[in-house]
Protein backbone atom coordinates (compact mmCIF):
# COMPACT_ATOMS: atom_id res chain seq x y z
CA MET A 1 42.01 -1.87 2.89
CA ALA A 2 42.16 1.25 5.06
CA LEU A 3 41.16 0.75 8.69
CA ASN A 4 40.11 3.26 11.30
CA THR A 5 38.58 1.54 14.31
CA SER A 6 38.09 4.75 16.26
CA SER A 7 35.74 6.28 13.69
CA PRO A 8 32.08 5.42 13.02
CA HIS A 9 31.40 2.48 10.72
CA ILE A 10 32.16 3.50 7.13
CA ILE A 11 31.59 1.19 4.18
CA TRP A 12 32.87 1.49 0.62
CA LEU A 13 30.51 -0.01 -1.93
CA LYS A 14 33.28 -0.67 -4.40
CA ASN A 15 33.32 -0.69 -8.20
CA PRO A 16 29.72 -1.53 -9.14
CA LEU A 17 28.91 -3.13 -12.47
CA THR A 18 27.06 0.12 -13.12
CA ILE A 19 25.48 2.82 -10.98
CA LEU A 20 22.70 5.37 -11.50
CA ALA A 21 24.80 8.32 -10.32
CA ASN A 22 27.19 10.81 -11.85
CA ASN A 23 30.94 10.31 -11.50
CA ALA A 24 30.55 7.36 -9.13
CA GLU A 25 31.84 4.45 -11.20
CA GLY A 26 34.18 3.57 -8.32
CA GLY A 27 31.24 3.33 -5.95
CA LEU A 28 29.85 5.02 -2.87
CA VAL A 29 31.08 5.58 0.67
CA ILE A 30 28.47 5.32 3.41
CA GLU A 31 28.80 6.57 6.98
CA GLY A 32 25.86 5.94 9.28
CA GLN A 33 22.69 6.91 7.44
CA LYS A 34 24.31 9.05 4.76
CA ILE A 35 26.30 8.96 1.56
CA ILE A 36 29.56 10.80 2.28
CA GLU A 37 31.50 10.28 -0.94
CA LEU A 38 31.12 9.35 -4.61
CA VAL A 39 34.21 7.57 -5.88
CA PRO A 40 35.25 8.26 -9.50
CA GLN A 41 36.28 5.43 -11.78
CA GLY A 42 39.63 3.86 -10.92
CA GLN A 43 40.06 5.82 -7.70
CA HIS A 44 39.98 5.04 -3.98
CA PRO A 45 37.91 6.93 -1.40
CA ASN A 46 39.32 9.96 0.33
CA HIS A 47 37.64 8.80 3.55
CA ALA A 48 39.08 6.04 5.69
CA TYR A 49 36.72 3.08 5.61
CA SER A 50 36.25 0.14 7.95
CA GLU A 51 34.53 -2.19 5.48
CA VAL A 52 34.56 -2.76 1.74
CA MET A 53 31.88 -4.53 -0.26
CA GLU A 54 32.83 -5.65 -3.76
CA CYS A 55 30.00 -4.71 -6.12
CA SER A 56 31.43 -5.68 -9.51
CA ASP A 57 28.43 -7.90 -10.27
CA LEU A 58 25.80 -5.46 -8.97
CA VAL A 59 23.72 -2.70 -10.54
CA ILE A 60 23.28 0.07 -7.97
CA LEU A 61 20.22 2.35 -7.97
CA PRO A 62 18.84 4.91 -5.58
CA GLY A 63 16.20 3.20 -3.48
CA LEU A 64 12.95 3.24 -5.44
CA ILE A 65 10.16 5.41 -3.98
CA ASN A 66 6.54 4.28 -4.20
CA GLY A 67 4.33 7.37 -4.20
CA HIS A 68 0.88 5.78 -3.96
CA HIS A 69 -0.38 2.48 -2.59
CA HIS A 70 -3.22 0.88 -0.62
CA PHE A 71 -1.59 -1.80 1.51
CA TYR A 72 -4.87 -3.29 2.74
CA GLN A 73 -5.74 -4.30 -0.80
CA THR A 74 -3.18 -7.12 -0.75
CA LEU A 75 -6.06 -9.06 0.87
CA THR A 76 -8.35 -8.78 -2.17
CA ARG A 77 -6.16 -9.51 -5.18
CA ALA A 78 -7.81 -11.07 -8.21
CA LEU A 79 -11.17 -11.25 -6.43
CA PRO A 80 -13.56 -12.76 -9.01
CA GLN A 81 -16.42 -10.39 -8.24
CA ALA A 82 -14.25 -7.35 -9.02
CA LEU A 83 -12.62 -8.52 -12.24
CA ASN A 84 -13.08 -6.90 -15.65
CA LYS A 85 -14.71 -3.71 -14.37
CA PRO A 86 -13.80 -0.02 -14.63
CA LEU A 87 -13.07 2.02 -11.50
CA PHE A 88 -16.58 2.77 -10.22
CA GLY A 89 -17.89 -0.78 -10.74
CA TRP A 90 -14.69 -2.21 -9.31
CA LEU A 91 -15.00 -0.05 -6.20
CA GLN A 92 -18.67 -0.89 -5.71
CA SER A 93 -17.78 -4.59 -5.81
CA LEU A 94 -14.99 -4.19 -3.25
CA TYR A 95 -16.32 -1.61 -0.77
CA PRO A 96 -18.54 -4.19 1.02
CA VAL A 97 -15.56 -6.54 1.35
CA TRP A 98 -13.23 -3.86 2.67
CA ALA A 99 -15.86 -2.79 5.21
CA GLY A 100 -15.08 -6.06 7.02
CA LEU A 101 -11.42 -5.19 7.66
CA GLU A 102 -10.16 -5.99 11.17
CA PRO A 103 -6.99 -4.85 12.96
CA ASP A 104 -4.90 -7.99 12.45
CA MET A 105 -5.94 -8.14 8.80
CA LEU A 106 -4.55 -4.64 8.23
CA TYR A 107 -1.37 -5.46 10.17
CA GLN A 108 -0.69 -8.55 8.04
CA ALA A 109 -1.57 -6.70 4.82
CA THR A 110 0.76 -3.81 5.67
CA ARG A 111 3.68 -6.09 6.52
CA LEU A 112 3.20 -8.17 3.39
CA ALA A 113 3.00 -5.11 1.12
CA LEU A 114 6.14 -3.63 2.68
CA ALA A 115 7.95 -6.95 2.30
CA GLU A 116 7.03 -7.13 -1.38
CA LEU A 117 8.19 -3.58 -1.92
CA LEU A 118 11.50 -4.08 -0.13
CA LEU A 119 12.28 -7.15 -2.19
CA SER A 120 11.66 -5.14 -5.36
CA GLY A 121 14.21 -2.45 -4.45
CA CYS A 122 11.79 -0.01 -2.84
CA THR A 123 13.05 1.85 0.24
CA SER A 124 10.25 4.36 0.84
CA ALA A 125 6.50 4.08 0.33
CA ALA A 126 3.43 6.28 0.68
CA ASP A 127 0.31 4.39 1.67
CA HIS A 128 -3.18 5.83 1.29
CA HIS A 129 -5.44 4.25 3.89
CA TYR A 130 -8.96 5.69 3.89
CA LEU A 131 -11.13 2.88 5.35
CA PHE A 132 -12.05 3.17 9.04
CA PRO A 133 -14.98 0.85 9.79
CA GLU A 134 -15.96 0.53 13.45
CA ALA A 135 -13.55 -2.36 14.01
CA LEU A 136 -10.61 -0.43 12.53
CA THR A 137 -10.63 3.06 14.02
CA GLU A 138 -6.92 2.80 14.96
CA ALA A 139 -5.72 1.88 11.49
CA MET A 140 -2.89 4.45 11.49
CA ASP A 141 -1.42 3.09 14.70
CA ILE A 142 -1.49 -0.43 13.24
CA GLN A 143 0.29 0.72 10.10
CA ALA A 144 2.91 2.67 12.05
CA GLU A 145 3.73 -0.42 14.12
CA ALA A 146 3.98 -2.60 11.02
CA ALA A 147 6.24 -0.12 9.20
CA ALA A 148 8.56 0.16 12.19
CA SER A 149 8.84 -3.64 12.32
CA MET A 150 9.93 -3.73 8.66
CA GLY A 151 12.52 -0.94 8.87
CA MET A 152 11.22 0.83 5.80
CA ARG A 153 10.71 4.54 5.24
CA MET A 154 7.03 5.49 5.00
CA THR A 155 4.72 8.39 4.30
CA MET A 156 1.56 7.37 6.11
CA THR A 157 -1.47 9.21 4.80
CA ARG A 158 -4.47 9.53 7.07
CA GLY A 159 -7.16 9.03 4.44
CA SER A 160 -10.87 9.51 4.85
CA MET A 161 -14.30 9.05 3.33
CA SER A 162 -17.28 11.11 4.49
CA LEU A 163 -19.65 11.15 1.52
CA GLY A 164 -21.64 7.90 1.49
CA THR A 165 -24.38 6.66 -0.79
CA ASP A 166 -27.09 8.27 1.37
CA ASP A 167 -25.65 11.69 0.50
CA GLY A 168 -24.86 11.06 -3.17
CA GLY A 169 -21.37 9.59 -2.81
CA LEU A 170 -20.04 6.27 -4.05
CA PRO A 171 -19.01 4.36 -0.87
CA PRO A 172 -21.60 2.61 1.32
CA GLN A 173 -22.49 4.28 4.62
CA ASN A 174 -20.72 1.68 6.75
CA THR A 175 -17.37 2.72 5.26
CA VAL A 176 -17.57 6.48 5.94
CA GLN A 177 -16.88 8.55 9.06
CA GLN A 178 -18.21 11.82 10.42
CA GLU A 179 -16.03 14.78 9.56
CA ASP A 180 -15.34 15.89 13.13
CA ILE A 181 -14.05 12.40 13.93
CA ILE A 182 -11.86 12.42 10.81
CA LEU A 183 -10.31 15.79 11.59
CA ALA A 184 -9.71 15.00 15.26
CA ASP A 185 -7.97 11.73 14.43
CA SER A 186 -6.01 13.40 11.62
CA GLU A 187 -4.56 15.87 14.09
CA ARG A 188 -3.83 13.09 16.59
CA VAL A 189 -1.96 11.07 13.98
CA ILE A 190 0.11 14.06 12.86
CA LYS A 191 1.12 14.92 16.42
CA ARG A 192 1.99 11.34 17.29
CA TYR A 193 3.76 10.12 14.16
CA HIS A 194 4.90 12.92 11.84
CA ASN A 195 8.63 13.55 11.86
CA ALA A 196 9.72 16.37 9.56
CA ALA A 197 13.44 16.00 10.33
CA GLU A 198 16.03 15.05 7.74
CA GLY A 199 16.23 11.28 7.46
CA SER A 200 12.78 10.78 8.94
CA MET A 201 11.49 7.22 8.77
CA MET A 202 7.84 8.26 9.20
CA GLN A 203 5.96 11.22 7.83
CA VAL A 204 2.23 11.88 7.77
CA ALA A 205 0.01 13.45 5.12
CA LEU A 206 -3.73 14.08 5.06
CA ALA A 207 -5.57 12.29 2.29
CA PRO A 208 -9.34 12.60 1.79
CA CYS A 209 -9.96 9.80 -0.67
CA SER A 210 -11.53 11.36 -3.76
CA PRO A 211 -14.14 13.88 -4.95
CA PHE A 212 -16.79 11.15 -5.03
CA SER A 213 -16.22 10.03 -1.43
CA VAL A 214 -15.65 13.22 0.60
CA THR A 215 -17.34 16.61 0.88
CA PRO A 216 -15.79 19.91 -0.21
CA GLU A 217 -15.97 20.97 3.45
CA LEU A 218 -13.74 18.07 4.51
CA MET A 219 -11.31 18.89 1.71
CA GLY A 220 -11.10 22.50 2.86
CA HIS A 221 -10.76 21.69 6.53
CA SER A 222 -8.07 19.10 5.75
CA ALA A 223 -6.12 21.72 3.79
CA THR A 224 -6.32 24.12 6.74
CA LEU A 225 -5.18 21.45 9.20
CA ALA A 226 -2.32 20.38 6.91
CA ALA A 227 -1.11 23.96 6.57
CA GLU A 228 -1.25 24.44 10.34
CA HIS A 229 0.97 21.39 10.93
CA LYS A 230 3.07 21.76 7.75
CA VAL A 231 2.23 18.35 6.30
CA MET A 232 1.42 17.31 2.74
CA LEU A 233 -1.98 16.66 1.14
CA HIS A 234 -2.89 13.73 -1.07
CA THR A 235 -5.94 12.49 -2.98
CA HIS A 236 -7.05 10.67 -6.11
CA LEU A 237 -7.88 13.02 -8.98
CA ALA A 238 -8.68 12.82 -12.68
CA GLU A 239 -8.34 9.04 -12.71
CA THR A 240 -11.37 8.40 -14.94
CA ILE A 241 -13.91 10.22 -17.08
CA ASP A 242 -16.60 9.02 -14.65
CA GLU A 243 -14.87 10.99 -11.89
CA GLU A 244 -14.71 14.07 -14.10
CA ASN A 245 -18.43 13.76 -14.85
CA PHE A 246 -19.21 13.30 -11.14
CA CYS A 247 -17.40 16.56 -10.28
CA VAL A 248 -19.20 18.50 -12.99
CA GLN A 249 -22.61 17.13 -12.04
CA ARG A 250 -22.25 17.48 -8.26
CA PHE A 251 -20.05 20.57 -7.88
CA GLY A 252 -20.40 22.27 -11.25
CA LEU A 253 -16.62 22.17 -11.61
CA ARG A 254 -13.99 20.16 -13.45
CA THR A 255 -11.48 18.39 -11.23
CA VAL A 256 -8.74 21.05 -11.20
CA ASP A 257 -11.27 23.84 -10.60
CA TYR A 258 -12.63 21.77 -7.72
CA LEU A 259 -9.11 21.29 -6.35
CA ASP A 260 -8.53 25.05 -6.49
CA SER A 261 -11.89 25.81 -4.86
CA VAL A 262 -11.01 23.81 -1.73
CA GLY A 263 -7.52 25.29 -1.32
CA TRP A 264 -5.49 22.34 -2.55
CA LEU A 265 -3.80 23.70 -5.67
CA GLY A 266 -0.16 24.08 -4.67
CA PRO A 267 3.17 22.35 -3.93
CA GLN A 268 1.76 20.91 -0.69
CA THR A 269 -0.36 18.50 -2.75
CA TRP A 270 0.34 15.37 -4.76
CA LEU A 271 -2.35 13.61 -6.77
CA ALA A 272 -2.72 9.95 -7.65
CA HIS A 273 -3.26 9.18 -11.37
CA GLY A 274 -3.75 12.62 -12.99
CA ILE A 275 -4.88 11.27 -16.34
CA HIS A 276 -7.76 13.40 -17.60
CA PHE A 277 -6.47 16.97 -17.56
CA ASN A 278 -6.81 19.39 -20.46
CA THR A 279 -3.97 21.67 -21.60
CA ASP A 280 -5.01 24.62 -19.45
CA GLU A 281 -5.33 22.42 -16.37
CA ILE A 282 -1.88 20.96 -16.90
CA GLN A 283 -0.41 24.46 -17.04
CA ARG A 284 -2.22 25.47 -13.84
CA LEU A 285 -1.02 22.35 -12.03
CA GLY A 286 2.54 22.96 -13.19
CA ALA A 287 2.52 26.62 -12.19
CA ALA A 288 1.28 25.58 -8.75
CA GLY A 289 3.95 22.88 -8.40
CA THR A 290 1.37 20.21 -7.64
CA GLY A 291 2.76 16.68 -7.86
CA ILE A 292 1.36 13.81 -9.91
CA CYS A 293 1.86 10.12 -9.11
CA HIS A 294 1.73 8.01 -12.26
CA CYS A 295 0.24 4.53 -11.62
CA PRO A 296 0.66 2.69 -14.94
CA THR A 297 -0.32 -0.88 -14.05
CA SER A 298 -3.49 0.15 -12.23
CA ASN A 299 -4.41 2.51 -15.05
CA MET A 300 -4.09 -0.35 -17.52
CA MET A 301 -5.90 -2.89 -15.35
CA LEU A 302 -8.93 -0.61 -14.84
CA ALA A 303 -8.68 0.82 -18.39
CA SER A 304 -8.54 4.34 -16.95
CA GLY A 305 -6.20 5.92 -19.52
CA ILE A 306 -2.59 7.11 -19.82
CA ALA A 307 -1.28 10.01 -17.75
CA PRO A 308 0.22 12.87 -19.82
CA VAL A 309 3.53 12.60 -18.00
CA ARG A 310 5.66 14.58 -20.43
CA GLU A 311 3.30 17.57 -20.54
CA LEU A 312 2.99 17.54 -16.76
CA GLU A 313 6.77 17.54 -16.24
CA VAL A 314 7.34 20.28 -18.81
CA ALA A 315 4.66 22.39 -17.11
CA GLY A 316 6.47 22.09 -13.78
CA CYS A 317 4.72 19.24 -11.96
CA PRO A 318 6.90 16.86 -9.97
CA VAL A 319 6.02 13.44 -11.44
CA GLY A 320 6.54 10.30 -9.43
CA LEU A 321 5.58 6.67 -9.66
CA GLY A 322 3.31 4.40 -7.62
CA VAL A 323 2.19 0.80 -7.78
CA ASP A 324 -1.30 1.78 -6.52
CA GLY A 325 -3.42 -0.73 -4.64
CA SER A 326 -2.68 -4.42 -4.76
CA ALA A 327 -6.22 -5.10 -5.94
CA SER A 328 -5.79 -3.02 -9.09
CA ASN A 329 -2.23 -4.00 -9.92
CA ASP A 330 -2.35 -6.81 -8.46
CA GLY A 331 1.14 -6.68 -7.03
CA SER A 332 3.49 -4.49 -5.00
CA ASN A 333 6.61 -4.76 -7.16
CA MET A 334 8.28 -1.40 -7.67
CA ILE A 335 10.97 -2.38 -10.18
CA GLN A 336 8.26 -3.94 -12.35
CA GLU A 337 6.27 -0.71 -12.07
CA VAL A 338 9.23 1.22 -13.45
CA ARG A 339 9.23 -1.09 -16.46
CA GLN A 340 5.47 -0.67 -16.94
CA ALA A 341 5.82 3.10 -16.80
CA LEU A 342 8.51 3.02 -19.48
CA TYR A 343 6.42 0.96 -21.86
CA LEU A 344 3.07 2.67 -21.25
CA GLN A 345 4.57 6.11 -21.83
CA ARG A 346 6.19 4.88 -25.04
CA LEU A 347 2.71 4.11 -26.32
CA LYS A 348 1.85 7.77 -25.76
CA TYR A 349 5.09 9.53 -26.72
CA GLY A 350 7.11 7.09 -28.79
CA ALA A 351 10.33 5.15 -28.44
CA GLN A 352 12.34 8.22 -27.38
CA VAL A 353 11.03 7.74 -23.82
CA SER A 354 14.08 6.14 -22.20
CA HIS A 355 14.81 3.95 -19.22
CA PHE A 356 16.41 7.01 -17.62
CA ASP A 357 13.03 8.76 -17.72
CA ALA A 358 11.40 5.84 -15.94
CA TYR A 359 14.14 5.68 -13.31
CA ARG A 360 13.76 9.43 -12.72
CA TRP A 361 10.02 9.10 -12.01
CA ALA A 362 10.67 6.31 -9.49
CA THR A 363 13.46 8.12 -7.63
CA GLU A 364 14.00 11.89 -7.87
CA GLY A 365 10.48 12.53 -9.14
CA SER A 366 8.77 10.60 -6.36
CA ALA A 367 10.97 12.23 -3.71
CA LYS A 368 10.17 15.73 -4.92
CA MET A 369 6.49 14.86 -5.24
CA LEU A 370 6.45 13.75 -1.58
CA GLY A 371 8.20 16.94 -0.48
CA ARG A 372 11.48 15.25 0.45
CA SER A 373 14.95 16.52 -0.43
CA ASP A 374 16.92 13.93 1.56
CA ILE A 375 16.16 10.86 -0.58
CA GLY A 376 15.77 9.98 -4.26
CA SER A 377 19.31 10.16 -5.61
CA LEU A 378 22.83 8.92 -4.91
CA VAL A 379 24.40 12.24 -3.95
CA VAL A 380 26.71 13.23 -1.11
CA GLY A 381 24.63 14.21 1.90
CA LYS A 382 21.56 12.20 0.89
CA GLN A 383 20.25 9.27 2.89
CA ALA A 384 21.84 5.90 2.12
CA ASP A 385 18.71 4.36 0.59
CA ILE A 386 20.13 2.01 -2.04
CA ALA A 387 18.93 -0.92 -4.16
CA PHE A 388 21.34 -3.52 -5.58
CA PHE A 389 20.39 -5.85 -8.43
CA LYS A 390 22.16 -8.81 -10.01
CA LEU A 391 21.94 -9.72 -13.67
CA ASP A 392 22.63 -13.42 -13.24
CA GLU A 393 19.23 -14.86 -14.19
CA MET A 394 18.43 -16.41 -17.56
CA ARG A 395 16.33 -13.38 -18.48
CA PHE A 396 19.48 -11.20 -18.54
CA SER A 397 21.75 -13.50 -20.51
CA GLY A 398 23.04 -11.76 -23.63
CA SER A 399 22.27 -8.24 -22.37
CA HIS A 400 24.81 -5.46 -22.88
CA ASP A 401 23.72 -2.24 -21.15
CA PRO A 402 23.14 -3.14 -17.48
CA LEU A 403 20.91 -0.18 -16.57
CA ALA A 404 18.73 -0.73 -19.62
CA ALA A 405 18.72 -4.50 -19.15
CA LEU A 406 17.38 -4.20 -15.62
CA LEU A 407 14.12 -2.85 -17.03
CA LEU A 408 13.99 -4.23 -20.56
CA CYS A 409 14.75 -7.79 -19.46
CA GLY A 410 12.29 -7.59 -16.60
CA ALA A 411 14.02 -7.58 -13.19
CA HIS A 412 11.72 -8.77 -10.43
CA GLN A 413 13.78 -8.80 -7.25
CA ALA A 414 16.67 -6.94 -5.66
CA GLU A 415 19.72 -8.78 -4.36
CA HIS A 416 20.34 -6.32 -1.50
CA VAL A 417 18.52 -3.26 -0.16
CA MET A 418 19.82 -0.63 2.24
CA VAL A 419 17.55 1.85 4.06
CA ALA A 420 19.13 4.70 6.02
CA GLY A 421 22.44 2.85 5.91
CA ARG A 422 20.98 -0.37 7.36
CA TRP A 423 20.76 -3.61 5.43
CA ARG A 424 17.13 -4.59 5.07
CA VAL A 425 17.60 -7.17 2.29
CA LYS A 426 20.70 -9.34 1.92
CA LYS A 427 21.03 -11.96 -0.81
CA GLY A 428 17.33 -11.71 -1.63
CA LEU A 429 16.14 -12.22 1.97
CA ILE A 430 14.63 -9.62 4.27
CA GLU A 431 16.71 -9.26 7.40
CA GLY A 432 14.87 -10.52 10.48
CA LEU A 433 11.73 -11.67 8.64
CA ASP A 434 10.48 -15.25 8.52
CA VAL A 435 8.35 -15.15 5.39
CA SER A 436 6.48 -18.44 5.91
CA PRO A 437 4.43 -17.34 8.95
CA LEU A 438 3.70 -14.00 7.27
CA LEU A 439 2.32 -15.76 4.19
CA GLN A 440 0.29 -18.12 6.35
CA HIS A 441 -1.27 -15.36 8.45
CA HIS A 442 -1.84 -13.07 5.47
CA GLY A 443 -3.47 -15.82 3.41
CA ALA A 444 -5.77 -16.76 6.29
CA ALA A 445 -6.74 -13.11 6.73
CA ALA A 446 -7.58 -12.78 3.04
CA LYS A 447 -9.83 -15.84 3.16
CA ALA A 448 -11.54 -14.68 6.34
CA LEU A 449 -12.22 -11.24 4.87
CA ALA A 450 -13.72 -12.59 1.64
CA ALA A 451 -15.82 -15.12 3.59
CA LYS A 452 -17.68 -12.29 5.35
CA ILE A 453 -19.54 -11.48 2.13
CA SER A 454 -22.36 -13.54 0.70
CA TRP A 455 -22.23 -12.85 -3.02
């Protein structure tokens, strides 16, 4: 082993079982937060290293990137009153419950969701929080604190709802905010938390919830504010036919026309779901470089449809992957979401959809969709966000191709996870986290939230 005690800590991740990178069969060399060398098969690093980690029994992937989630929904999984309903009915069942969210509930929900994601090989997540009842006006600050405590990379989207039932929207009035309050807090959150630098652990985007819960004015003003501060935009779009019909009836426009009318059609925007687009709309989205986050499990659970991923990619849309909310999934497991994406897209396009396609959506695709060039692949100069998996469970016995087996045989949990060169999961345990108290507090919060409603 080469030693150089005067240099920064450098680790060689040596000879993995397999790795999702080109010409790196001999592993990776990490210095600080970054990948500094890919080692070809049978060779040693050119850099002096101070530590070596044998990886001969490990599958190495770029850290998985979750492009769309609702962390607070971990508190309302498998809620009986919301089962077996499509999107609008599901939302109408859950809005009154979510209106009772309190600060500690959101803190526990955020930590639990991030813990689940980390254990599934996810190193970066975008969360869409759009509920700000009177007791939860500082939701973004709560989430930022929770993310920092977990050591995970996050795109925190300041969501919003302004169009309540009194004005023809879907959410009840006690879940919406006035637009001047939304915009003022959006600017505050950007100034306080957004870090655009390479390797940033926290970025902010603006995310009015959906066409049926915000006004066109709020959409337009959010676009202006985002452009002023050079942050991304995010919303739900074309998730269901009901949403399409709502846009036509209320605005006289289909969803993509509506998006264009409020100044959102462009590379600064990524959309959750993106299922119900026609051919012309797909071409317009691709020409604009607008991103689409595919959410397969949620789309199946709510019977929303199948996103036309292949057409969107061919047209030029960055396509990423998201687990969506933990009340429409009902989990936060990113490696399982990659598997679901593979199989759902095979139903649409046939068996030629490969595991490499699914990995691409969850890594490079999600990174590009979120406007990041420093994560998403195992390349020299990129951030050392890395997921390591073992194939030593019964489910993998008899498998031959390790990268394919990871998905086809149904991996659930990573063995190790590194974020920005720091170990966050070692031997299946999150560094510095005692899971038992988290489960206790989170479970109590879920019960307390549901108990507020008299069904």
